[in-house]
Amino acid sequence: MVRPRFVPVARLPAVAAALAAALVFAFGAAACSTSAPLPPRAAQLNRDGALALASGDLATAGARLALAIEYSPRFVEAYVNLGLVELRRGNLDLAYAHFKKARDLNPDLPAPHHALGLLFDQRDLGKDAEEHYRMAFKVDPGFAAARANLGRRLYQRGAFDDAREQFLRLTEIDASDASSWTGLVESLLRLGREGEADDALGRAREKLGDRAELVLLVARQMLRRGAFEDAEAVLAPLTADPDHARQGAAWGFIGVARAGRGDCASARQAAREALLVDRTDPVAAIVVARCG
């Protein structure tokens, strides 16, 4: 019988997901960046450009944001959003120029620093990315997107206690954000502090209820304790989750549950389902290796 010990696997947001957080700030703070009154038309163009960017219409977004800057040449958020357009297009040098312009116009806003962090993150220049993320919340300690991205980078390079601290602070900034709680739990698990991870998960469920992200962690908690049938029952609804990452993860951990019961044939089937969603799923790969 195969009884694999549960191995925690991070499901923390990648750079692409972080772009959405930057857009939310730029959209919400469109009118507060300049000392002179912001022309209403510029503000509207920035909002419309951010919406076009969020929907993936980069050409329309770029045109609207460039026009917003014509109306207000010192419009920091419009420069940030225009840089995000170029970042999405892969024009990293041009994105850098827009982000740097925004920072130079007003270094006392967090969004340009965060945007530079995203750029260096995409270039896989981790030290520079972390520096800019830290600068963003040095300007504004409540700027959650930069702290979340710093926590992700720290986690990815194995600085789990530092990541834990950033995610813990995030839970104080916005306790309704499930990703701050999942990051905290993941970090505690990597540190071997399972009791604290369980406590954090319990607090998260008290505040947020049975959100899908938390249900996935509950199932993993069951797997760690050998409650394989219960874990599979909890995971089953997530195999139809509209979020593909969670759907794949659910299948992967169902594979772990089935392998834990000694049913390698069914475990391999679950692993195959996970790999159909994500060909690089690490949990499914473990199941295949152990049940091959």
C-alpha atoms as a PDB file:
ATOM      1  CA  MET A   1       0.000   0.000   0.000  1.00  0.00           C
ATOM      2  CA  VAL A   2       1.320   3.443  -0.883  1.00  0.00           C
ATOM      3  CA  ARG A   3       0.850   6.033   1.841  1.00  0.00           C
ATOM      4  CA  PRO A   4       2.608   9.163   0.613  1.00  0.00           C
ATOM      5  CA  ARG A   5       3.192  11.840   3.186  1.00  0.00           C
ATOM      6  CA  PHE A   6       1.471  15.020   2.121  1.00  0.00           C
ATOM      7  CA  VAL A   7       3.906  17.522   0.622  1.00  0.00           C
ATOM      8  CA  PRO A   8       2.733  21.156   0.801  1.00  0.00           C
ATOM      9  CA  VAL A   9       2.744  22.782  -2.620  1.00  0.00           C
ATOM     10  CA  ALA A  10       2.402  26.537  -3.109  1.00  0.00           C
ATOM     11  CA  ARG A  11      -0.507  27.933  -5.099  1.00  0.00           C
ATOM     12  CA  LEU A  12       0.593  31.534  -4.785  1.00  0.00           C
ATOM     13  CA  PRO A  13      -0.181  34.124  -7.469  1.00  0.00           C
ATOM     14  CA  ALA A  14       2.142  34.577 -10.415  1.00  0.00           C
ATOM     15  CA  VAL A  15       3.136  37.916 -11.932  1.00  0.00           C
ATOM     16  CA  ALA A  16       0.279  37.856 -14.448  1.00  0.00           C
ATOM     17  CA  ALA A  17      -2.254  37.658 -11.650  1.00  0.00           C
ATOM     18  CA  ALA A  18      -0.549  40.517  -9.861  1.00  0.00           C
ATOM     19  CA  LEU A  19      -1.238  42.832 -12.785  1.00  0.00           C
ATOM     20  CA  ALA A  20      -4.914  42.816 -11.878  1.00  0.00           C
ATOM     21  CA  ALA A  21      -4.123  44.166  -8.422  1.00  0.00           C
ATOM     22  CA  ALA A  22      -2.149  47.008  -9.979  1.00  0.00           C
ATOM     23  CA  LEU A  23      -5.081  47.844 -12.223  1.00  0.00           C
ATOM     24  CA  VAL A  24      -7.486  48.020  -9.304  1.00  0.00           C
ATOM     25  CA  PHE A  25      -5.313  50.621  -7.611  1.00  0.00           C
ATOM     26  CA  ALA A  26      -4.800  52.654 -10.764  1.00  0.00           C
ATOM     27  CA  PHE A  27      -8.537  52.637 -11.456  1.00  0.00           C
ATOM     28  CA  GLY A  28      -9.484  53.536  -7.916  1.00  0.00           C
ATOM     29  CA  ALA A  29      -6.919  56.280  -7.362  1.00  0.00           C
ATOM     30  CA  ALA A  30      -7.199  57.959 -10.739  1.00  0.00           C
ATOM     31  CA  ALA A  31      -7.894  61.405  -9.402  1.00  0.00           C
ATOM     32  CA  CYS A  32      -5.441  61.755  -6.536  1.00  0.00           C
ATOM     33  CA  SER A  33      -1.959  61.790  -8.037  1.00  0.00           C
ATOM     34  CA  THR A  34      -1.394  65.338  -9.223  1.00  0.00           C
ATOM     35  CA  SER A  35      -1.124  68.568  -7.291  1.00  0.00           C
ATOM     36  CA  ALA A  36      -3.031  70.503  -9.972  1.00  0.00           C
ATOM     37  CA  PRO A  37      -6.717  69.702 -10.528  1.00  0.00           C
ATOM     38  CA  LEU A  38      -7.069  66.719 -12.814  1.00  0.00           C
ATOM     39  CA  PRO A  39      -9.115  67.394 -15.972  1.00  0.00           C
ATOM     40  CA  PRO A  40     -12.295  65.306 -15.806  1.00  0.00           C
ATOM     41  CA  ARG A  41     -11.721  64.056 -19.328  1.00  0.00           C
ATOM     42  CA  ALA A  42      -8.264  62.750 -18.366  1.00  0.00           C
ATOM     43  CA  ALA A  43      -9.693  60.918 -15.361  1.00  0.00           C
ATOM     44  CA  GLN A  44     -12.418  59.339 -17.494  1.00  0.00           C
ATOM     45  CA  LEU A  45      -9.939  58.258 -20.174  1.00  0.00           C
ATOM     46  CA  ASN A  46      -7.745  56.665 -17.512  1.00  0.00           C
ATOM     47  CA  ARG A  47     -10.690  54.756 -16.061  1.00  0.00           C
ATOM     48  CA  ASP A  48     -11.792  53.626 -19.499  1.00  0.00           C
ATOM     49  CA  GLY A  49      -8.223  52.677 -20.399  1.00  0.00           C
ATOM     50  CA  ALA A  50      -7.894  50.598 -17.238  1.00  0.00           C
ATOM     51  CA  LEU A  51     -11.125  48.788 -18.100  1.00  0.00           C
ATOM     52  CA  ALA A  52      -9.906  48.081 -21.628  1.00  0.00           C
ATOM     53  CA  LEU A  53      -6.621  46.781 -20.249  1.00  0.00           C
ATOM     54  CA  ALA A  54      -8.458  44.525 -17.797  1.00  0.00           C
ATOM     55  CA  SER A  55     -10.482  43.068 -20.673  1.00  0.00           C
ATOM     56  CA  GLY A  56      -7.354  42.473 -22.767  1.00  0.00           C
ATOM     57  CA  ASP A  57      -8.056  45.153 -25.393  1.00  0.00           C
ATOM     58  CA  LEU A  58      -4.533  46.544 -25.399  1.00  0.00           C
ATOM     59  CA  ALA A  59      -4.879  48.737 -28.480  1.00  0.00           C
ATOM     60  CA  THR A  60      -7.892  50.591 -27.087  1.00  0.00           C
ATOM     61  CA  ALA A  61      -6.298  50.829 -23.654  1.00  0.00           C
ATOM     62  CA  GLY A  62      -3.103  52.295 -25.074  1.00  0.00           C
ATOM     63  CA  ALA A  63      -4.958  54.899 -27.119  1.00  0.00           C
ATOM     64  CA  ARG A  64      -7.127  56.010 -24.208  1.00  0.00           C
ATOM     65  CA  LEU A  65      -4.239  56.227 -21.763  1.00  0.00           C
ATOM     66  CA  ALA A  66      -1.995  58.122 -24.178  1.00  0.00           C
ATOM     67  CA  LEU A  67      -4.812  60.617 -24.696  1.00  0.00           C
ATOM     68  CA  ALA A  68      -5.300  60.925 -20.933  1.00  0.00           C
ATOM     69  CA  ILE A  69      -1.641  61.923 -20.663  1.00  0.00           C
ATOM     70  CA  GLU A  70      -2.132  64.526 -23.415  1.00  0.00           C
ATOM     71  CA  TYR A  71      -4.879  66.058 -21.311  1.00  0.00           C
ATOM     72  CA  SER A  72      -2.738  65.871 -18.153  1.00  0.00           C
ATOM     73  CA  PRO A  73       1.019  65.375 -18.794  1.00  0.00           C
ATOM     74  CA  ARG A  74       1.729  64.774 -15.097  1.00  0.00           C
ATOM     75  CA  PHE A  75      -0.956  62.115 -14.628  1.00  0.00           C
ATOM     76  CA  VAL A  76       0.917  59.449 -12.653  1.00  0.00           C
ATOM     77  CA  GLU A  77      -1.693  56.670 -12.774  1.00  0.00           C
ATOM     78  CA  ALA A  78      -2.133  57.039 -16.525  1.00  0.00           C
ATOM     79  CA  TYR A  79       1.620  56.503 -16.971  1.00  0.00           C
ATOM     80  CA  VAL A  80       1.441  53.443 -14.716  1.00  0.00           C
ATOM     81  CA  ASN A  81      -1.453  52.003 -16.693  1.00  0.00           C
ATOM     82  CA  LEU A  82       0.249  52.753 -19.999  1.00  0.00           C
ATOM     83  CA  GLY A  83       3.303  50.923 -18.688  1.00  0.00           C
ATOM     84  CA  LEU A  84       1.100  47.961 -17.805  1.00  0.00           C
ATOM     85  CA  VAL A  85      -0.175  47.920 -21.390  1.00  0.00           C
ATOM     86  CA  GLU A  86       3.409  47.683 -22.663  1.00  0.00           C
ATOM     87  CA  LEU A  87       4.243  45.070 -20.030  1.00  0.00           C
ATOM     88  CA  ARG A  88       1.373  42.941 -21.331  1.00  0.00           C
ATOM     89  CA  ARG A  89       2.650  43.437 -24.873  1.00  0.00           C
ATOM     90  CA  GLY A  90       6.138  42.331 -23.857  1.00  0.00           C
ATOM     91  CA  ASN A  91       7.667  45.759 -24.553  1.00  0.00           C
ATOM     92  CA  LEU A  92       9.648  45.771 -21.329  1.00  0.00           C
ATOM     93  CA  ASP A  93      11.931  48.716 -22.123  1.00  0.00           C
ATOM     94  CA  LEU A  94       8.976  50.945 -22.986  1.00  0.00           C
ATOM     95  CA  ALA A  95       7.095  49.737 -19.901  1.00  0.00           C
ATOM     96  CA  TYR A  96      10.127  50.650 -17.789  1.00  0.00           C
ATOM     97  CA  ALA A  97      10.202  54.141 -19.293  1.00  0.00           C
ATOM     98  CA  HIS A  98       6.533  54.731 -18.399  1.00  0.00           C
ATOM     99  CA  PHE A  99       6.910  53.349 -14.864  1.00  0.00           C
ATOM    100  CA  LYS A 100      10.067  55.409 -14.263  1.00  0.00           C
ATOM    101  CA  LYS A 101       8.316  58.543 -15.529  1.00  0.00           C
ATOM    102  CA  ALA A 102       5.449  57.895 -13.117  1.00  0.00           C
ATOM    103  CA  ARG A 103       7.851  57.392 -10.212  1.00  0.00           C
ATOM    104  CA  ASP A 104       9.833  60.520 -11.081  1.00  0.00           C
ATOM    105  CA  LEU A 105       6.635  62.573 -11.252  1.00  0.00           C
ATOM    106  CA  ASN A 106       5.594  61.480  -7.762  1.00  0.00           C
ATOM    107  CA  PRO A 107       7.800  59.099  -5.745  1.00  0.00           C
ATOM    108  CA  ASP A 108       5.373  59.431  -2.825  1.00  0.00           C
ATOM    109  CA  LEU A 109       2.772  57.209  -4.497  1.00  0.00           C
ATOM    110  CA  PRO A 110       3.108  53.416  -4.133  1.00  0.00           C
ATOM    111  CA  ALA A 111       1.763  52.391  -7.560  1.00  0.00           C
ATOM    112  CA  PRO A 112       4.858  53.335  -9.646  1.00  0.00           C
ATOM    113  CA  HIS A 113       7.173  51.463  -7.261  1.00  0.00           C
ATOM    114  CA  HIS A 114       4.913  48.433  -7.371  1.00  0.00           C
ATOM    115  CA  ALA A 115       4.770  48.580 -11.168  1.00  0.00           C
ATOM    116  CA  LEU A 116       8.575  48.599 -11.337  1.00  0.00           C
ATOM    117  CA  GLY A 117       8.519  45.560  -9.071  1.00  0.00           C
ATOM    118  CA  LEU A 118       6.213  43.789 -11.523  1.00  0.00           C
ATOM    119  CA  LEU A 119       8.566  44.631 -14.376  1.00  0.00           C
ATOM    120  CA  PHE A 120      11.652  43.259 -12.636  1.00  0.00           C
ATOM    121  CA  ASP A 121       9.598  40.277 -11.506  1.00  0.00           C
ATOM    122  CA  GLN A 122       8.768  39.521 -15.137  1.00  0.00           C
ATOM    123  CA  ARG A 123      12.459  39.816 -15.990  1.00  0.00           C
ATOM    124  CA  ASP A 124      13.161  37.363 -13.126  1.00  0.00           C
ATOM    125  CA  LEU A 125      15.356  39.912 -11.371  1.00  0.00           C
ATOM    126  CA  GLY A 126      14.176  38.962  -7.924  1.00  0.00           C
ATOM    127  CA  LYS A 127      16.376  41.217  -5.813  1.00  0.00           C
ATOM    128  CA  ASP A 128      15.324  44.304  -7.789  1.00  0.00           C
ATOM    129  CA  ALA A 129      11.659  43.263  -7.733  1.00  0.00           C
ATOM    130  CA  GLU A 130      11.718  42.816  -3.964  1.00  0.00           C
ATOM    131  CA  GLU A 131      13.382  46.204  -3.515  1.00  0.00           C
ATOM    132  CA  HIS A 132      10.641  47.974  -5.474  1.00  0.00           C
ATOM    133  CA  TYR A 133       7.863  46.085  -3.696  1.00  0.00           C
ATOM    134  CA  ARG A 134       9.342  47.152  -0.364  1.00  0.00           C
ATOM    135  CA  MET A 135       9.561  50.738  -1.556  1.00  0.00           C
ATOM    136  CA  ALA A 136       5.865  50.672  -2.476  1.00  0.00           C
ATOM    137  CA  PHE A 137       4.709  49.783   1.009  1.00  0.00           C
ATOM    138  CA  LYS A 138       7.360  51.977   2.583  1.00  0.00           C
ATOM    139  CA  VAL A 139       5.421  54.798   0.924  1.00  0.00           C
ATOM    140  CA  ASP A 140       2.086  53.231   1.935  1.00  0.00           C
ATOM    141  CA  PRO A 141       2.204  50.289   4.402  1.00  0.00           C
ATOM    142  CA  GLY A 142      -1.385  49.450   3.473  1.00  0.00           C
ATOM    143  CA  PHE A 143      -0.638  48.919  -0.231  1.00  0.00           C
ATOM    144  CA  ALA A 144      -1.566  45.253  -0.253  1.00  0.00           C
ATOM    145  CA  ALA A 145      -0.575  44.292  -3.808  1.00  0.00           C
ATOM    146  CA  ALA A 146       3.114  45.037  -3.266  1.00  0.00           C
ATOM    147  CA  ARG A 147       3.196  43.209   0.079  1.00  0.00           C
ATOM    148  CA  ALA A 148       1.467  40.186  -1.484  1.00  0.00           C
ATOM    149  CA  ASN A 149       3.969  40.086  -4.333  1.00  0.00           C
ATOM    150  CA  LEU A 150       6.889  40.424  -1.932  1.00  0.00           C
ATOM    151  CA  GLY A 151       5.463  37.560   0.133  1.00  0.00           C
ATOM    152  CA  ARG A 152       5.168  35.455  -3.013  1.00  0.00           C
ATOM    153  CA  ARG A 153       8.764  36.140  -4.043  1.00  0.00           C
ATOM    154  CA  LEU A 154      10.084  35.405  -0.541  1.00  0.00           C
ATOM    155  CA  TYR A 155       8.147  32.142  -0.507  1.00  0.00           C
ATOM    156  CA  GLN A 156       9.423  31.138  -3.933  1.00  0.00           C
ATOM    157  CA  ARG A 157      13.044  31.603  -2.919  1.00  0.00           C
ATOM    158  CA  GLY A 158      12.607  29.665   0.294  1.00  0.00           C
ATOM    159  CA  ALA A 159      12.567  32.563   2.774  1.00  0.00           C
ATOM    160  CA  PHE A 160       9.494  31.068   4.413  1.00  0.00           C
ATOM    161  CA  ASP A 161       9.642  32.907   7.731  1.00  0.00           C
ATOM    162  CA  ASP A 162       9.972  36.275   6.006  1.00  0.00           C
ATOM    163  CA  ALA A 163       7.088  35.305   3.710  1.00  0.00           C
ATOM    164  CA  ARG A 164       5.033  34.289   6.756  1.00  0.00           C
ATOM    165  CA  GLU A 165       5.578  37.719   8.290  1.00  0.00           C
ATOM    166  CA  GLN A 166       4.438  39.538   5.144  1.00  0.00           C
ATOM    167  CA  PHE A 167       1.324  37.401   4.762  1.00  0.00           C
ATOM    168  CA  LEU A 168       0.517  37.819   8.460  1.00  0.00           C
ATOM    169  CA  ARG A 169       0.641  41.592   8.017  1.00  0.00           C
ATOM    170  CA  LEU A 170      -1.584  41.251   4.962  1.00  0.00           C
ATOM    171  CA  THR A 171      -4.251  39.592   7.090  1.00  0.00           C
ATOM    172  CA  GLU A 172      -4.246  42.732   9.217  1.00  0.00           C
ATOM    173  CA  ILE A 173      -4.474  45.010   6.167  1.00  0.00           C
ATOM    174  CA  ASP A 174      -7.396  43.145   4.620  1.00  0.00           C
ATOM    175  CA  ALA A 175      -8.747  40.145   6.502  1.00  0.00           C
ATOM    176  CA  SER A 176     -11.293  39.542   3.721  1.00  0.00           C
ATOM    177  CA  ASP A 177      -8.572  38.665   1.193  1.00  0.00           C
ATOM    178  CA  ALA A 178      -8.328  34.874   1.092  1.00  0.00           C
ATOM    179  CA  SER A 179      -4.920  34.959  -0.618  1.00  0.00           C
ATOM    180  CA  SER A 180      -3.310  36.558   2.439  1.00  0.00           C
ATOM    181  CA  TRP A 181      -4.575  33.683   4.594  1.00  0.00           C
ATOM    182  CA  THR A 182      -3.561  30.981   2.126  1.00  0.00           C
ATOM    183  CA  GLY A 183      -0.091  32.526   1.856  1.00  0.00           C
ATOM    184  CA  LEU A 184       0.187  32.548   5.644  1.00  0.00           C
ATOM    185  CA  VAL A 185      -0.916  28.917   5.944  1.00  0.00           C
ATOM    186  CA  GLU A 186       1.410  27.797   3.118  1.00  0.00           C
ATOM    187  CA  SER A 187       4.371  29.535   4.750  1.00  0.00           C
ATOM    188  CA  LEU A 188       3.669  28.009   8.154  1.00  0.00           C
ATOM    189  CA  LEU A 189       3.422  24.556   6.599  1.00  0.00           C
ATOM    190  CA  ARG A 190       6.798  24.998   4.931  1.00  0.00           C
ATOM    191  CA  LEU A 191       8.238  25.953   8.315  1.00  0.00           C
ATOM    192  CA  GLY A 192       6.831  22.747   9.834  1.00  0.00           C
ATOM    193  CA  ARG A 193       4.570  24.754  12.135  1.00  0.00           C
ATOM    194  CA  GLU A 194       1.465  22.689  11.447  1.00  0.00           C
ATOM    195  CA  GLY A 195      -0.375  23.644  14.616  1.00  0.00           C
ATOM    196  CA  GLU A 196      -0.041  27.338  13.808  1.00  0.00           C
ATOM    197  CA  ALA A 197      -1.090  26.628  10.224  1.00  0.00           C
ATOM    198  CA  ASP A 198      -4.225  24.891  11.482  1.00  0.00           C
ATOM    199  CA  ASP A 199      -4.991  27.826  13.787  1.00  0.00           C
ATOM    200  CA  ALA A 200      -4.536  30.328  10.938  1.00  0.00           C
ATOM    201  CA  LEU A 201      -6.788  28.253   8.703  1.00  0.00           C
ATOM    202  CA  GLY A 202      -9.422  28.155  11.437  1.00  0.00           C
ATOM    203  CA  ARG A 203      -9.307  31.945  11.804  1.00  0.00           C
ATOM    204  CA  ALA A 204      -9.611  32.340   8.056  1.00  0.00           C
ATOM    205  CA  ARG A 205     -12.697  30.131   7.915  1.00  0.00           C
ATOM    206  CA  GLU A 206     -14.284  32.040  10.796  1.00  0.00           C
ATOM    207  CA  LYS A 207     -13.880  35.266   8.828  1.00  0.00           C
ATOM    208  CA  LEU A 208     -14.490  34.059   5.267  1.00  0.00           C
ATOM    209  CA  GLY A 209     -16.470  30.827   5.537  1.00  0.00           C
ATOM    210  CA  ASP A 210     -15.845  27.905   3.223  1.00  0.00           C
ATOM    211  CA  ARG A 211     -14.226  29.759   0.338  1.00  0.00           C
ATOM    212  CA  ALA A 212     -12.824  27.389  -2.306  1.00  0.00           C
ATOM    213  CA  GLU A 213      -9.222  28.395  -1.544  1.00  0.00           C
ATOM    214  CA  LEU A 214      -9.744  27.508   2.104  1.00  0.00           C
ATOM    215  CA  VAL A 215     -11.593  24.279   1.373  1.00  0.00           C
ATOM    216  CA  LEU A 216      -8.559  23.119  -0.590  1.00  0.00           C
ATOM    217  CA  LEU A 217      -6.387  23.753   2.465  1.00  0.00           C
ATOM    218  CA  VAL A 218      -8.878  21.924   4.710  1.00  0.00           C
ATOM    219  CA  ALA A 219      -8.599  18.879   2.455  1.00  0.00           C
ATOM    220  CA  ARG A 220      -4.823  19.033   2.634  1.00  0.00           C
ATOM    221  CA  GLN A 221      -5.106  19.227   6.408  1.00  0.00           C
ATOM    222  CA  MET A 222      -7.099  15.982   6.269  1.00  0.00           C
ATOM    223  CA  LEU A 223      -4.496  14.366   4.023  1.00  0.00           C
ATOM    224  CA  ARG A 224      -1.739  15.193   6.487  1.00  0.00           C
ATOM    225  CA  ARG A 225      -3.718  13.295   9.124  1.00  0.00           C
ATOM    226  CA  GLY A 226      -4.478  10.304   6.945  1.00  0.00           C
ATOM    227  CA  ALA A 227      -8.204  11.035   6.592  1.00  0.00           C
ATOM    228  CA  PHE A 228      -8.089  10.089   2.917  1.00  0.00           C
ATOM    229  CA  GLU A 229     -11.785   9.381   2.301  1.00  0.00           C
ATOM    230  CA  ASP A 230     -12.863  12.598   4.022  1.00  0.00           C
ATOM    231  CA  ALA A 231     -10.311  14.564   2.010  1.00  0.00           C
ATOM    232  CA  GLU A 232     -11.579  13.165  -1.283  1.00  0.00           C
ATOM    233  CA  ALA A 233     -15.178  14.003  -0.345  1.00  0.00           C
ATOM    234  CA  VAL A 234     -14.174  17.588   0.409  1.00  0.00           C
ATOM    235  CA  LEU A 235     -12.162  17.868  -2.809  1.00  0.00           C
ATOM    236  CA  ALA A 236     -14.746  16.370  -5.162  1.00  0.00           C
ATOM    237  CA  PRO A 237     -16.803  19.589  -5.680  1.00  0.00           C
ATOM    238  CA  LEU A 238     -13.617  21.509  -6.515  1.00  0.00           C
ATOM    239  CA  THR A 239     -13.001  19.329  -9.570  1.00  0.00           C
ATOM    240  CA  ALA A 240     -15.698  21.425 -11.266  1.00  0.00           C
ATOM    241  CA  ASP A 241     -14.359  24.733  -9.979  1.00  0.00           C
ATOM    242  CA  PRO A 242     -14.259  27.431 -12.707  1.00  0.00           C
ATOM    243  CA  ASP A 243     -10.745  28.329 -11.570  1.00  0.00           C
ATOM    244  CA  HIS A 244      -8.520  25.909 -13.474  1.00  0.00           C
ATOM    245  CA  ALA A 245      -5.687  26.097 -10.956  1.00  0.00           C
ATOM    246  CA  ARG A 246      -7.976  24.951  -8.139  1.00  0.00           C
ATOM    247  CA  GLN A 247      -9.602  22.359 -10.374  1.00  0.00           C
ATOM    248  CA  GLY A 248      -6.220  20.844 -11.217  1.00  0.00           C
ATOM    249  CA  ALA A 249      -5.065  21.007  -7.613  1.00  0.00           C
ATOM    250  CA  ALA A 250      -8.224  19.225  -6.465  1.00  0.00           C
ATOM    251  CA  TRP A 251      -7.600  16.355  -8.881  1.00  0.00           C
ATOM    252  CA  GLY A 252      -3.960  16.158  -7.841  1.00  0.00           C
ATOM    253  CA  PHE A 253      -4.792  15.878  -4.156  1.00  0.00           C
ATOM    254  CA  ILE A 254      -7.566  13.377  -4.874  1.00  0.00           C
ATOM    255  CA  GLY A 255      -4.757  11.347  -6.418  1.00  0.00           C
ATOM    256  CA  VAL A 256      -2.852  11.652  -3.133  1.00  0.00           C
ATOM    257  CA  ALA A 257      -5.935  10.514  -1.187  1.00  0.00           C
ATOM    258  CA  ARG A 258      -6.466   7.489  -3.413  1.00  0.00           C
ATOM    259  CA  ALA A 259      -2.804   6.554  -3.277  1.00  0.00           C
ATOM    260  CA  GLY A 260      -2.973   6.861   0.501  1.00  0.00           C
ATOM    261  CA  ARG A 261      -5.767   4.259   0.493  1.00  0.00           C
ATOM    262  CA  GLY A 262      -3.623   1.999  -1.689  1.00  0.00           C
ATOM    263  CA  ASP A 263      -5.768   2.421  -4.827  1.00  0.00           C
ATOM    264  CA  CYS A 264      -3.018   3.255  -7.289  1.00  0.00           C
ATOM    265  CA  ALA A 265      -5.123   2.675 -10.396  1.00  0.00           C
ATOM    266  CA  SER A 266      -7.646   5.329  -9.345  1.00  0.00           C
ATOM    267  CA  ALA A 267      -4.836   7.564  -8.116  1.00  0.00           C
ATOM    268  CA  ARG A 268      -3.218   7.499 -11.565  1.00  0.00           C
ATOM    269  CA  GLN A 269      -6.559   8.388 -13.133  1.00  0.00           C
ATOM    270  CA  ALA A 270      -6.933  11.399 -10.837  1.00  0.00           C
ATOM    271  CA  ALA A 271      -3.358  12.439 -11.618  1.00  0.00           C
ATOM    272  CA  ARG A 272      -4.129  12.246 -15.341  1.00  0.00           C
ATOM    273  CA  GLU A 273      -7.126  14.522 -14.827  1.00  0.00           C
ATOM    274  CA  ALA A 274      -4.884  16.995 -12.998  1.00  0.00           C
ATOM    275  CA  LEU A 275      -2.315  16.910 -15.787  1.00  0.00           C
ATOM    276  CA  LEU A 276      -5.010  17.614 -18.374  1.00  0.00           C
ATOM    277  CA  VAL A 277      -5.610  20.890 -16.554  1.00  0.00           C
ATOM    278  CA  ASP A 278      -1.945  21.649 -15.843  1.00  0.00           C
ATOM    279  CA  ARG A 279       0.775  19.559 -17.483  1.00  0.00           C
ATOM    280  CA  THR A 280       3.278  20.701 -14.838  1.00  0.00           C
ATOM    281  CA  ASP A 281       1.149  19.973 -11.762  1.00  0.00           C
ATOM    282  CA  PRO A 282       3.713  18.930  -9.103  1.00  0.00           C
ATOM    283  CA  VAL A 283       1.293  16.929  -6.951  1.00  0.00           C
ATOM    284  CA  ALA A 284       0.115  14.870  -9.909  1.00  0.00           C
ATOM    285  CA  ALA A 285       3.755  14.221 -10.819  1.00  0.00           C
ATOM    286  CA  ILE A 286       4.387  12.881  -7.297  1.00  0.00           C
ATOM    287  CA  VAL A 287       1.362  10.604  -7.546  1.00  0.00           C
ATOM    288  CA  VAL A 288       2.470   9.261 -10.932  1.00  0.00           C
ATOM    289  CA  ALA A 289       6.007   8.671  -9.644  1.00  0.00           C
ATOM    290  CA  ARG A 290       4.794   6.782  -6.580  1.00  0.00           C
ATOM    291  CA  CYS A 291       2.039   4.847  -8.302  1.00  0.00           C
ATOM    292  CA  GLY A 292       3.712   4.392 -11.658  1.00  0.00           C
END
